[in-house]
Amino acid sequence: MATKGSLGMSIVVRAEPIDDAYEVVLEDGEELVLAHYDALEGDDARDDAERWAAQVRELLGAGVRHRR
């Protein structure tokens, strides 16, 4: 999902597979890893990463709407 930040740039938050893990990545021209879930430590790594990415998108969306 992409939203417009306060400077008018697109922000993307996604869960991305990386080797034996999943990362929640925020991208706004540069990438920032927000969370890392090791798939070797549990079977729920993908679900956890997707859930957390959705929560971050929801929070960012609420912040963007709130500023207008």
Protein backbone atom coordinates (compact mmCIF):
# COMPACT_ATOMS: atom_id res chain seq x y z
CA MET A 1 0.00 0.00 0.00
CA ALA A 2 1.21 3.48 -0.77
CA THR A 3 0.16 6.65 0.98
CA LYS A 4 1.16 10.26 0.59
CA GLY A 5 3.32 11.59 3.41
CA SER A 6 3.44 15.18 4.59
CA LEU A 7 5.97 16.04 1.85
CA GLY A 8 3.85 14.46 -0.90
CA MET A 9 6.07 11.38 -1.35
CA SER A 10 4.78 7.83 -1.60
CA ILE A 11 5.30 5.53 1.36
CA VAL A 12 5.13 1.75 0.91
CA VAL A 13 5.05 -0.78 3.75
CA ARG A 14 5.44 -4.43 2.80
CA ALA A 15 6.35 -7.84 4.18
CA GLU A 16 9.21 -9.24 2.14
CA PRO A 17 10.81 -12.71 2.15
CA ILE A 18 14.55 -12.57 2.83
CA ASP A 19 16.44 -15.89 2.85
CA ASP A 20 14.93 -17.85 5.79
CA ALA A 21 13.04 -14.87 7.20
CA TYR A 22 10.47 -12.17 6.52
CA GLU A 23 11.08 -8.47 6.99
CA VAL A 24 8.64 -5.61 7.31
CA VAL A 25 10.06 -2.83 5.14
CA LEU A 26 9.06 0.83 4.94
CA GLU A 27 10.09 2.47 1.68
CA ASP A 28 9.93 6.21 1.00
CA GLY A 29 12.74 6.54 -1.49
CA GLU A 30 15.02 4.62 0.86
CA GLU A 31 14.29 1.33 2.60
CA LEU A 32 14.02 0.96 6.37
CA VAL A 33 13.58 -2.49 7.94
CA LEU A 34 11.01 -2.15 10.72
CA ALA A 35 10.92 -5.78 11.83
CA HIS A 36 12.61 -9.10 11.13
CA TYR A 37 10.87 -12.44 11.64
CA ASP A 38 13.06 -15.54 11.46
CA ALA A 39 11.18 -18.36 9.72
CA LEU A 40 13.44 -20.98 11.30
CA GLU A 41 12.19 -20.07 14.78
CA GLY A 42 8.52 -20.56 14.00
CA ASP A 43 5.99 -21.35 11.32
CA ASP A 44 4.12 -18.07 11.79
CA ALA A 45 6.88 -15.73 10.54
CA ARG A 46 5.09 -14.83 7.30
CA ASP A 47 1.73 -14.31 9.01
CA ASP A 48 3.34 -12.22 11.75
CA ALA A 49 5.18 -10.05 9.22
CA GLU A 50 2.04 -9.55 7.10
CA ARG A 51 -0.01 -8.69 10.19
CA TRP A 52 2.57 -6.19 11.45
CA ALA A 53 2.90 -4.57 8.00
CA ALA A 54 -0.88 -4.16 7.87
CA GLN A 55 -0.88 -2.53 11.31
CA VAL A 56 1.87 -0.09 10.27
CA ARG A 57 -0.04 0.78 7.07
CA GLU A 58 -3.17 1.37 9.15
CA LEU A 59 -1.29 3.64 11.58
CA LEU A 60 0.37 5.58 8.76
CA GLY A 61 -2.96 5.98 7.01
CA ALA A 62 -4.58 7.30 10.18
CA GLY A 63 -1.72 9.76 10.62
CA VAL A 64 -2.01 11.02 7.06
CA ARG A 65 -5.77 11.52 7.35
CA HIS A 66 -5.38 13.18 10.75
CA ARG A 67 -2.95 15.84 9.42
CA ARG A 68 -5.29 17.09 6.68
